[in-house]
Amino acid sequence: MAEGSASLPLPCTLSNSPPTDHSSRACRRLVTERANVQGCIKSQQILLRKQQEITARGCGDCSASGDSFSRYLLHHSIRNRAHGKSWRVNAAKCQAETGAAPANTADNPGRLFIFGFGYTSCALAIDLRNKNWSIAGTCRNSEARSTLENWGFHSLLFNSDNDGEELQGPGLEELQQATHWLVSIPPVGDFGKDPVLAVHGQDLIQAAGRCNVRWIGYLSSTGVYGDWQGEWVDEDTEPRGSLPKALERLAAERGWLNFGRDHGVAVHVFRLGGIYGPGRNAFSTILQNRTRPGLERERRRFTSRIHVADVCQVLTASMDNPSPGRIYNVVDDVPAPREEVFAYARDLLGVRTDEGVTREEANTVPFFSARCEEKRVSNKRIKEELGIRLLHPSYKSGLQEILKDSKRTQSCV
């Protein structure tokens, strides 16, 4: 799941890191908002077709075609039928008005601002820093800040629970200069919405108005889907989350998608499965004797998960191919039971299998259905739209790679 900055991974090993309305009216609002977002996506598709038409009619001069398209965007806004508001592609608009660079290149790497340095966001930051990106972001305490600074990341204190730890002048300047924002802080406190939007809403609007930001990613969770009794779900499936965390996640998603629509920036939502990788995996749990945190988790027939390297792959692909208002499930191909994953990890380690819930018990419907939310999450969209080929299509590939890297590291010590 998406995480904040409660604990930080080491840069090489990524070791251990991250008022509710239950009424049917609220559910209907969520469904309506989903339709509104889809309307925005259709608008973007219309704009892309118009760009192709203008280019096809051009005289062979690419710059002339680009100018024609920019004028079209500035003077022929697409009507959003759901909200009755005009919608324009902010990146193209700003390029036409200010000459801002339209994309990242080797000579013009991006600037990433992270709300909430955590396990996944640190992995992405390390990956992008190796491509000469500038990285800055927030953490919750001075100890984490010191660690991040030692790694070469400009870090700033932000704690939505503490009024004295909000972004100030230098932090706001970093935010305004950033070309990409990643939001990795989960809903916390009593805001009733995303804490970043709650605390810095006006600052975000001002930063978006400077036309630097070209991509925003919000890390959410597959938990928003709730219980589908083991059926497959995709991004068009109605969320059925009933637990407070799921409803808060949906509210945060809605807040960021609204922000993107209202201020003309490309916001994307990434619904992550359980994240694992070096230092955060079944091996670590087994060796620390933490294999039985709760029987409910053992009872699930299906658990979606994703290797942290594949999360980074999806995020960078989206940065290269923005699609405003799009939601992506980020999971692997095999939604396997937790106990099956741990049994495989024990086999790789050559340790005795602990007593636990058997596969036969887990597949017994009366045993699990009363307490567990069950669904299988599809990853078809990231493959078809972002061209993703998973590095680790299943937990087996991921665990094998982690163990291999661990042995390689130990041999070098």
Foldseek 3Di string as FASTA:
>chain_A
DFFFFPAPADLPQLAAKGPFDQDVVVLVVLVLLLVLLVLVLVQVVVLVVVLVVLVVPDPPDVVVSLLVSLVCQVPPFDARVSVRDTAGQLLSPCCNVPVADNAADLVRHFEEEEEGHISLVSNLVSVSVVSVYAYEYEHADDVVCVVCVVVVYHYAHDDLVDPVRHDDDVRLVSLLQGQEYEYRHADDDDQLERSCCSPCVVSNLVSLVSSRHAEYEYEAAPLQQFAPPAEEDEPPRRGDRNDPRSSRRSRHLSVQLVVCRVRNHAYEYEHAFAEAARNRDLLVCVVVVNPPPDQLLQLAAFGWYAYSVQVSVLVVLCSRPGRGSYYFYHTAQGRGRPLVLNVLLCVVVVHDRDDGQDSVQSPPCVNHVVPDRHYHYDRVCSCVPSVDDGPDRDSVSRSVVNVVVVVVVVVVD
